[in-house]
């Protein structure tokens, strides 16, 4: 199933037009986005990620410093 999502603020203008356009297309449904607010609550979005090396030296490793 493919959902063609129309933002709430554009629904009055485009919903009926796109519903008619995709009426005969199997597997496509036109819907209006019902969300009222952003789901992300943190204002720290886009913060720089810290990447760390996951490789660890094993205890008793006989290779030493190569």
N, C-alpha and C. Protein backbone atom coordinates (compact mmCIF):
# COMPACT_ATOMS: atom_id res chain seq x y z
N UNK A 1 0.84 -1.17 0.00
CA UNK A 1 0.00 0.00 0.00
C UNK A 1 0.89 1.24 0.00
N UNK A 2 0.57 2.20 -0.84
CA UNK A 2 1.27 3.48 -0.89
C UNK A 2 0.31 4.55 -0.39
N UNK A 3 0.78 5.33 0.57
CA UNK A 3 -0.03 6.41 1.11
C UNK A 3 0.49 7.74 0.57
N UNK A 4 -0.36 8.49 -0.08
CA UNK A 4 -0.03 9.82 -0.58
C UNK A 4 -0.54 10.78 0.49
N UNK A 5 0.38 11.33 1.28
CA UNK A 5 0.00 12.14 2.44
C UNK A 5 0.02 13.61 2.07
N UNK A 6 -1.11 14.27 2.33
CA UNK A 6 -1.23 15.69 2.05
C UNK A 6 -1.22 16.44 3.38
N UNK A 7 -0.35 17.45 3.52
CA UNK A 7 -0.32 18.23 4.76
C UNK A 7 -1.67 18.90 5.02
N UNK A 8 -2.02 19.02 6.29
CA UNK A 8 -3.31 19.57 6.69
C UNK A 8 -3.56 20.95 6.08
N UNK A 9 -2.52 21.81 6.05
CA UNK A 9 -2.72 23.16 5.55
C UNK A 9 -2.96 23.22 4.03
N UNK A 10 -2.67 22.14 3.30
CA UNK A 10 -2.92 22.09 1.86
C UNK A 10 -4.10 21.20 1.49
N UNK A 11 -4.73 20.60 2.48
CA UNK A 11 -5.80 19.63 2.22
C UNK A 11 -6.99 20.25 1.50
N UNK A 12 -7.40 21.44 1.89
CA UNK A 12 -8.57 22.07 1.25
C UNK A 12 -8.34 22.27 -0.24
N UNK A 13 -7.11 22.56 -0.60
CA UNK A 13 -6.78 22.87 -1.99
C UNK A 13 -6.54 21.62 -2.84
N UNK A 14 -5.90 20.58 -2.26
CA UNK A 14 -5.44 19.46 -3.07
C UNK A 14 -6.08 18.09 -2.81
N UNK A 15 -6.73 17.89 -1.67
CA UNK A 15 -7.20 16.55 -1.32
C UNK A 15 -8.13 15.95 -2.38
N UNK A 16 -9.19 16.65 -2.75
CA UNK A 16 -10.15 16.10 -3.72
C UNK A 16 -9.51 15.86 -5.08
N UNK A 17 -8.63 16.78 -5.49
CA UNK A 17 -7.96 16.64 -6.78
C UNK A 17 -7.12 15.36 -6.84
N UNK A 18 -6.32 15.12 -5.80
CA UNK A 18 -5.47 13.94 -5.80
C UNK A 18 -6.27 12.66 -5.55
N UNK A 19 -7.34 12.75 -4.81
CA UNK A 19 -8.19 11.58 -4.58
C UNK A 19 -8.78 11.11 -5.91
N UNK A 20 -9.23 12.06 -6.74
CA UNK A 20 -9.76 11.71 -8.06
C UNK A 20 -8.66 11.19 -8.97
N UNK A 21 -7.48 11.80 -8.91
CA UNK A 21 -6.37 11.41 -9.77
C UNK A 21 -5.93 9.97 -9.52
N UNK A 22 -5.92 9.53 -8.24
CA UNK A 22 -5.46 8.18 -7.90
C UNK A 22 -6.61 7.21 -7.65
N UNK A 23 -7.82 7.58 -8.02
CA UNK A 23 -9.01 6.76 -7.76
C UNK A 23 -8.91 5.37 -8.37
N UNK A 24 -8.42 5.23 -9.57
CA UNK A 24 -8.36 3.93 -10.24
C UNK A 24 -7.05 3.19 -10.03
N UNK A 25 -6.13 3.77 -9.28
CA UNK A 25 -4.81 3.15 -9.10
C UNK A 25 -4.87 2.21 -7.89
N UNK A 26 -4.58 0.94 -8.14
CA UNK A 26 -4.63 -0.04 -7.06
C UNK A 26 -3.42 0.12 -6.14
N UNK A 27 -3.65 0.08 -4.84
CA UNK A 27 -2.57 0.15 -3.86
C UNK A 27 -2.15 1.55 -3.48
N UNK A 28 -2.92 2.57 -3.89
CA UNK A 28 -2.60 3.96 -3.53
C UNK A 28 -3.79 4.55 -2.80
N UNK A 29 -3.49 5.17 -1.65
CA UNK A 29 -4.54 5.82 -0.86
C UNK A 29 -4.09 7.24 -0.53
N UNK A 30 -4.96 8.20 -0.76
CA UNK A 30 -4.67 9.60 -0.46
C UNK A 30 -5.22 9.90 0.92
N UNK A 31 -4.35 10.42 1.81
CA UNK A 31 -4.78 10.73 3.17
C UNK A 31 -4.30 12.13 3.56
N UNK A 32 -4.95 12.68 4.59
CA UNK A 32 -4.58 13.99 5.12
C UNK A 32 -3.80 13.76 6.41
N UNK A 33 -2.67 14.46 6.52
CA UNK A 33 -1.84 14.37 7.73
C UNK A 33 -2.61 14.97 8.90
N UNK A 34 -2.80 14.19 9.97
CA UNK A 34 -3.59 14.65 11.11
C UNK A 34 -2.75 15.11 12.29
N UNK A 35 -1.42 15.03 12.18
CA UNK A 35 -0.58 15.43 13.30
C UNK A 35 -0.77 16.91 13.61
N UNK A 36 -0.78 17.23 14.88
CA UNK A 36 -0.97 18.62 15.29
C UNK A 36 0.32 19.28 15.74
N UNK A 37 1.32 18.49 16.09
CA UNK A 37 2.59 19.08 16.53
C UNK A 37 3.73 18.14 16.16
N UNK A 38 4.93 18.66 16.26
CA UNK A 38 6.12 17.88 15.97
C UNK A 38 6.29 16.80 17.04
N UNK A 39 6.70 15.61 16.63
CA UNK A 39 6.87 14.52 17.59
C UNK A 39 8.16 14.62 18.39
N UNK A 40 9.13 15.27 17.83
CA UNK A 40 10.41 15.39 18.53
C UNK A 40 10.28 16.42 19.64
N UNK A 41 10.62 16.03 20.86
CA UNK A 41 10.51 16.94 21.99
C UNK A 41 11.83 17.60 22.33
N UNK A 42 12.92 17.03 21.89
CA UNK A 42 14.24 17.57 22.19
C UNK A 42 14.57 18.70 21.23
N UNK A 43 15.12 19.76 21.76
CA UNK A 43 15.52 20.88 20.91
C UNK A 43 16.97 20.72 20.48
N UNK A 44 17.60 19.59 20.81
CA UNK A 44 19.00 19.36 20.48
C UNK A 44 19.16 18.65 19.15
N UNK A 45 18.15 18.67 18.31
CA UNK A 45 18.23 17.99 17.03
C UNK A 45 19.36 18.52 16.17
N UNK A 46 20.00 17.63 15.47
CA UNK A 46 21.10 18.02 14.59
C UNK A 46 22.41 18.21 15.32
N UNK A 47 22.47 17.79 16.56
CA UNK A 47 23.69 17.93 17.34
C UNK A 47 24.76 17.00 16.77
N UNK A 48 26.01 17.40 16.87
CA UNK A 48 27.12 16.61 16.33
C UNK A 48 27.23 15.28 17.07
N UNK A 49 27.33 14.18 16.31
CA UNK A 49 27.47 12.86 16.91
C UNK A 49 28.92 12.61 17.27
N UNK A 50 29.10 11.88 18.34
CA UNK A 50 30.44 11.49 18.76
C UNK A 50 30.64 10.04 18.34
N UNK A 51 31.60 9.82 17.46
CA UNK A 51 31.88 8.47 17.00
C UNK A 51 33.08 7.93 17.76
N UNK A 52 32.94 6.75 18.28
CA UNK A 52 34.01 6.14 19.05
C UNK A 52 34.44 4.84 18.41
N UNK A 53 35.68 4.50 18.60
CA UNK A 53 36.22 3.27 18.08
C UNK A 53 35.76 2.12 18.96
N UNK A 54 35.06 1.17 18.39
CA UNK A 54 34.54 0.05 19.18
C UNK A 54 35.53 -1.08 19.33
N UNK A 55 36.60 -1.05 18.58
CA UNK A 55 37.59 -2.12 18.67
C UNK A 55 38.32 -2.00 20.00
N UNK A 56 38.37 -3.08 20.73
CA UNK A 56 39.04 -3.08 22.03
C UNK A 56 40.14 -4.12 22.04
N UNK A 57 41.13 -3.82 22.77
CA UNK A 57 42.22 -4.76 22.94
C UNK A 57 41.78 -5.85 23.90
N UNK A 58 42.04 -7.08 23.57
CA UNK A 58 41.66 -8.19 24.43
C UNK A 58 42.69 -8.38 25.53
N UNK A 59 42.24 -8.77 26.70
CA UNK A 59 43.20 -9.05 27.78
C UNK A 59 44.11 -10.20 27.37
N UNK A 60 45.38 -10.06 27.63
CA UNK A 60 46.33 -11.12 27.29
C UNK A 60 46.66 -11.15 25.80
N UNK A 61 46.43 -10.07 25.11
CA UNK A 61 46.72 -10.01 23.69
C UNK A 61 48.23 -10.12 23.46
N UNK A 62 48.62 -11.08 22.67
CA UNK A 62 50.06 -11.34 22.48
C UNK A 62 50.68 -10.49 21.39
N UNK A 63 49.88 -9.70 20.69
CA UNK A 63 50.43 -8.91 19.61
C UNK A 63 51.17 -7.67 20.12
N UNK A 64 50.80 -7.18 21.28
CA UNK A 64 51.44 -5.98 21.79
C UNK A 64 51.22 -4.79 20.86
N UNK A 65 52.10 -3.84 20.89
CA UNK A 65 52.00 -2.70 19.99
C UNK A 65 52.62 -3.06 18.65
N UNK A 66 51.83 -3.12 17.62
CA UNK A 66 52.31 -3.52 16.30
C UNK A 66 52.73 -2.30 15.52
